[in-house]
Amino acid sequence: MKYKAAITADEVQENIVIPNTEWRTYIAKKENTGYDEDQVFTNEVFPKEISGIFIGFTEIDSKAYPVYVLDVISKDLFVCGNKGYNNIIKITYGICDSLLYQNRDDILLARSIKDSDLEFFNYRKEPLTYWLASRKSSHDKNKYWSYNRCSVRSVWYGKVKENLLFEMADNINLLASDREYTYNYPIRPVVVLNSQITDIEKRSDYRWIDA
């Protein structure tokens, strides 16, 4: 991919292609995912050319850069229970960082997509499924039982879903026990291109995204 170290807002490309040329590996350990075996992710989960679409700008060290959402990878990540819930953001970010970012001059940051990114592109029209690096906990009770529930969001063919990974029973549950569930989805990376926007102060209609 050809890029410039500094560009104007008008020079930002709506679509990019990132070459997938290096062999890299990330191992999602079973003690972190809660799944029953280690999961190995390599650059083979991407095509030879990885497509990205522009979704907005982000600010890093008081400088502005363009942000792109990439293709969904071709392999699912399985997570289960409390371990999966607690570690999924670290794992999904680690996969994106290890396979896309390290030792590359053209990418400033790589991470997993999260639910706040969805407002910046038309994900509802895409026939895709993938994890969102976004967690939710809630407390559900009545006079007979009480549970703390932990979920991780995903996109399922244009809809955001809550995937319940762990239910922890409170003390009032005389016969209840903790319950764990397993879900699997692929990951969708988001990257920040290492091209600083030089005229950022001249525009007020930018879409700003948290890095």
Protein backbone atom coordinates (compact mmCIF):
# COMPACT_ATOMS: atom_id res chain seq x y z
CA MET A 1 0.00 0.00 0.00
CA LYS A 2 1.34 3.40 -0.96
CA TYR A 3 0.73 6.25 1.45
CA LYS A 4 1.98 9.69 2.39
CA ALA A 5 3.18 10.62 5.85
CA ALA A 6 1.11 13.83 5.67
CA ILE A 7 -2.07 14.45 3.67
CA THR A 8 -4.98 16.88 3.54
CA ALA A 9 -8.52 15.85 4.37
CA ASP A 10 -9.41 15.95 0.68
CA GLU A 11 -6.65 13.41 -0.05
CA VAL A 12 -8.08 10.78 2.30
CA GLN A 13 -8.96 7.63 0.36
CA GLU A 14 -12.44 6.15 0.85
CA ASN A 15 -11.09 2.66 0.19
CA ILE A 16 -7.67 1.17 0.90
CA VAL A 17 -5.97 -2.16 0.31
CA ILE A 18 -3.39 -3.42 2.80
CA PRO A 19 -1.02 -6.12 1.50
CA ASN A 20 -0.86 -9.26 3.62
CA THR A 21 2.75 -10.24 3.10
CA GLU A 22 4.23 -11.29 6.45
CA TRP A 23 3.86 -14.47 8.45
CA ARG A 24 2.71 -13.71 11.98
CA THR A 25 1.04 -15.70 14.74
CA TYR A 26 -1.15 -15.03 17.77
CA ILE A 27 -2.14 -17.81 20.19
CA ALA A 28 -5.33 -17.32 22.18
CA LYS A 29 -4.58 -19.45 25.25
CA LYS A 30 -7.34 -21.62 26.67
CA GLU A 31 -6.71 -20.27 30.16
CA ASN A 32 -7.67 -16.83 28.83
CA THR A 33 -10.54 -17.71 26.47
CA GLY A 34 -12.20 -20.28 28.73
CA TYR A 35 -12.42 -22.56 25.68
CA ASP A 36 -11.09 -26.11 25.90
CA GLU A 37 -8.06 -25.66 23.62
CA ASP A 38 -5.59 -23.03 22.44
CA GLN A 39 -6.54 -21.20 19.24
CA VAL A 40 -3.88 -20.20 16.73
CA PHE A 41 -4.38 -17.20 14.45
CA THR A 42 -1.96 -16.48 11.61
CA ASN A 43 -2.00 -14.12 8.64
CA GLU A 44 -3.79 -16.84 6.71
CA VAL A 45 -7.03 -15.56 8.28
CA PHE A 46 -6.74 -12.61 5.86
CA PRO A 47 -6.75 -12.58 2.06
CA LYS A 48 -3.59 -11.54 0.22
CA GLU A 49 -5.03 -8.05 -0.07
CA ILE A 50 -7.07 -6.76 2.87
CA SER A 51 -9.74 -4.22 1.98
CA GLY A 52 -10.69 -1.30 4.21
CA ILE A 53 -13.30 1.45 4.12
CA PHE A 54 -12.87 4.92 5.61
CA ILE A 55 -15.08 5.60 8.63
CA GLY A 56 -13.66 8.79 10.18
CA PHE A 57 -10.76 10.40 11.99
CA THR A 58 -9.10 9.86 15.33
CA GLU A 59 -6.74 11.99 17.40
CA ILE A 60 -3.49 10.53 18.71
CA ASP A 61 -0.92 12.73 20.47
CA SER A 62 -2.82 15.84 19.32
CA LYS A 63 -2.57 14.79 15.67
CA ALA A 64 -5.39 13.55 13.42
CA TYR A 65 -5.30 10.36 11.34
CA PRO A 66 -7.80 8.48 9.13
CA VAL A 67 -9.52 5.35 10.46
CA TYR A 68 -10.57 2.32 8.40
CA VAL A 69 -12.66 -0.76 9.14
CA LEU A 70 -11.27 -3.88 7.42
CA ASP A 71 -12.58 -7.19 6.16
CA VAL A 72 -13.77 -9.80 8.66
CA ILE A 73 -11.18 -12.52 9.26
CA SER A 74 -11.86 -16.06 8.05
CA LYS A 75 -11.54 -17.85 11.41
CA ASP A 76 -13.81 -17.77 14.46
CA LEU A 77 -12.63 -16.98 17.98
CA PHE A 78 -14.30 -19.20 20.60
CA VAL A 79 -14.74 -17.79 24.11
CA CYS A 80 -16.49 -19.25 27.13
CA GLY A 81 -17.65 -18.15 30.55
CA ASN A 82 -16.07 -15.73 32.97
CA LYS A 83 -12.58 -16.09 31.52
CA GLY A 84 -13.80 -15.33 28.03
CA TYR A 85 -15.81 -12.36 29.24
CA ASN A 86 -12.90 -10.86 31.19
CA ASN A 87 -10.30 -11.35 28.46
CA ILE A 88 -12.09 -10.98 25.13
CA ILE A 89 -11.13 -7.36 24.53
CA LYS A 90 -7.48 -8.07 25.31
CA ILE A 91 -7.56 -11.10 23.00
CA THR A 92 -9.33 -9.47 20.04
CA TYR A 93 -7.09 -6.41 20.29
CA GLY A 94 -4.06 -8.70 20.56
CA ILE A 95 -4.98 -10.60 17.40
CA CYS A 96 -5.38 -7.38 15.40
CA ASP A 97 -2.21 -5.86 16.81
CA SER A 98 -0.08 -8.97 16.25
CA LEU A 99 -1.27 -9.75 12.72
CA LEU A 100 -1.62 -6.22 11.32
CA TYR A 101 0.31 -3.57 13.22
CA GLN A 102 3.71 -4.65 14.52
CA ASN A 103 6.74 -3.39 12.56
CA ARG A 104 4.64 -1.77 9.85
CA ASP A 105 5.25 1.81 8.77
CA ASP A 106 1.86 2.30 7.12
CA ILE A 107 -0.33 1.46 10.14
CA LEU A 108 -0.26 3.49 13.35
CA LEU A 109 -2.69 1.35 15.36
CA ALA A 110 -4.75 -1.82 14.90
CA ARG A 111 -7.58 -3.00 17.15
CA SER A 112 -10.86 -4.87 17.08
CA ILE A 113 -14.06 -3.11 16.12
CA LYS A 114 -16.35 -2.04 18.99
CA ASP A 115 -19.98 -0.99 19.13
CA SER A 116 -19.22 2.75 19.11
CA ASP A 117 -17.63 2.34 15.65
CA LEU A 118 -20.89 1.12 14.13
CA GLU A 119 -22.44 4.58 13.91
CA PHE A 120 -19.85 5.60 11.31
CA PHE A 121 -20.73 3.15 8.53
CA ASN A 122 -23.74 1.21 7.27
CA TYR A 123 -23.12 -2.14 8.97
CA ARG A 124 -26.85 -3.01 8.77
CA LYS A 125 -26.56 -3.63 5.03
CA GLU A 126 -23.66 -6.07 5.36
CA PRO A 127 -24.30 -9.87 5.46
CA LEU A 128 -21.56 -10.38 8.07
CA THR A 129 -21.06 -11.65 11.61
CA TYR A 130 -18.24 -10.65 13.98
CA TRP A 131 -17.37 -9.94 17.60
CA LEU A 132 -17.63 -6.43 19.01
CA ALA A 133 -15.03 -5.56 21.62
CA SER A 134 -17.81 -4.32 23.89
CA ARG A 135 -18.97 -5.96 27.12
CA LYS A 136 -22.10 -5.61 29.24
CA SER A 137 -22.96 -6.72 32.75
CA SER A 138 -26.41 -6.65 34.34
CA HIS A 139 -28.22 -7.79 37.47
CA ASP A 140 -31.44 -9.76 37.14
CA LYS A 141 -33.48 -10.86 40.16
CA ASN A 142 -36.88 -11.69 41.60
CA LYS A 143 -37.92 -13.09 45.01
CA TYR A 144 -36.69 -16.60 44.13
CA TRP A 145 -33.36 -16.05 42.40
CA SER A 146 -30.74 -13.44 41.57
CA TYR A 147 -28.08 -13.53 38.86
CA ASN A 148 -25.27 -11.28 37.69
CA ARG A 149 -25.09 -11.71 33.93
CA CYS A 150 -22.07 -10.94 31.73
CA SER A 151 -22.39 -10.59 27.97
CA VAL A 152 -20.27 -9.61 24.98
CA ARG A 153 -21.81 -7.94 21.94
CA SER A 154 -21.56 -9.09 18.35
CA VAL A 155 -22.96 -8.15 14.96
CA TRP A 156 -25.18 -10.77 13.35
CA TYR A 157 -26.24 -9.87 9.80
CA GLY A 158 -26.82 -6.22 10.52
CA LYS A 159 -28.12 -6.57 14.08
CA VAL A 160 -26.27 -6.13 17.37
CA LYS A 161 -26.64 -9.15 19.66
CA GLU A 162 -25.91 -9.73 23.35
CA ASN A 163 -24.08 -13.04 23.84
CA LEU A 164 -24.44 -14.27 27.43
CA LEU A 165 -21.14 -15.85 28.51
CA PHE A 166 -21.50 -16.07 32.28
CA GLU A 167 -24.22 -16.07 34.94
CA MET A 168 -23.10 -15.79 38.54
CA ALA A 169 -25.68 -16.79 41.14
CA ASP A 170 -26.13 -14.60 44.22
CA ASN A 171 -26.32 -16.03 47.72
CA ILE A 172 -30.13 -16.00 47.80
CA ASN A 173 -30.16 -18.71 45.10
CA LEU A 174 -30.52 -21.82 47.24
CA LEU A 175 -30.44 -24.29 44.35
CA ALA A 176 -28.83 -22.22 41.61
CA SER A 177 -25.24 -22.40 40.44
CA ASP A 178 -22.98 -20.38 38.18
CA ARG A 179 -23.47 -21.06 34.48
CA GLU A 180 -21.10 -20.61 31.56
CA TYR A 181 -21.80 -20.45 27.82
CA THR A 182 -19.66 -20.63 24.69
CA TYR A 183 -19.97 -18.43 21.59
CA ASN A 184 -17.86 -18.05 18.49
CA TYR A 185 -17.56 -15.31 15.89
CA PRO A 186 -14.77 -13.99 13.68
CA ILE A 187 -12.99 -10.71 14.40
CA ARG A 188 -13.16 -7.49 12.40
CA PRO A 189 -10.13 -5.18 12.65
CA VAL A 190 -10.04 -1.40 12.66
CA VAL A 191 -6.80 0.34 11.69
CA VAL A 192 -5.48 3.87 11.93
CA LEU A 193 -3.45 4.75 8.85
CA ASN A 194 -0.13 6.45 9.55
CA SER A 195 -0.96 9.53 7.47
CA GLN A 196 -1.30 12.72 9.47
CA ILE A 197 -4.07 15.09 8.38
CA THR A 198 -2.51 18.53 7.98
CA ASP A 199 -5.61 20.74 7.68
CA ILE A 200 -7.76 19.29 10.44
CA GLU A 201 -8.68 22.67 11.94
CA LYS A 202 -10.31 23.80 8.68
CA ARG A 203 -13.20 21.33 8.85
CA SER A 204 -16.00 21.07 11.39
CA ASP A 205 -17.90 18.12 9.88
CA TYR A 206 -15.46 15.32 10.69
CA ARG A 207 -16.56 12.01 12.12
CA TRP A 208 -14.44 11.57 15.27
CA ILE A 209 -13.67 8.06 16.49
CA ASP A 210 -12.10 6.94 19.76
CA ALA A 211 -8.75 5.28 19.15
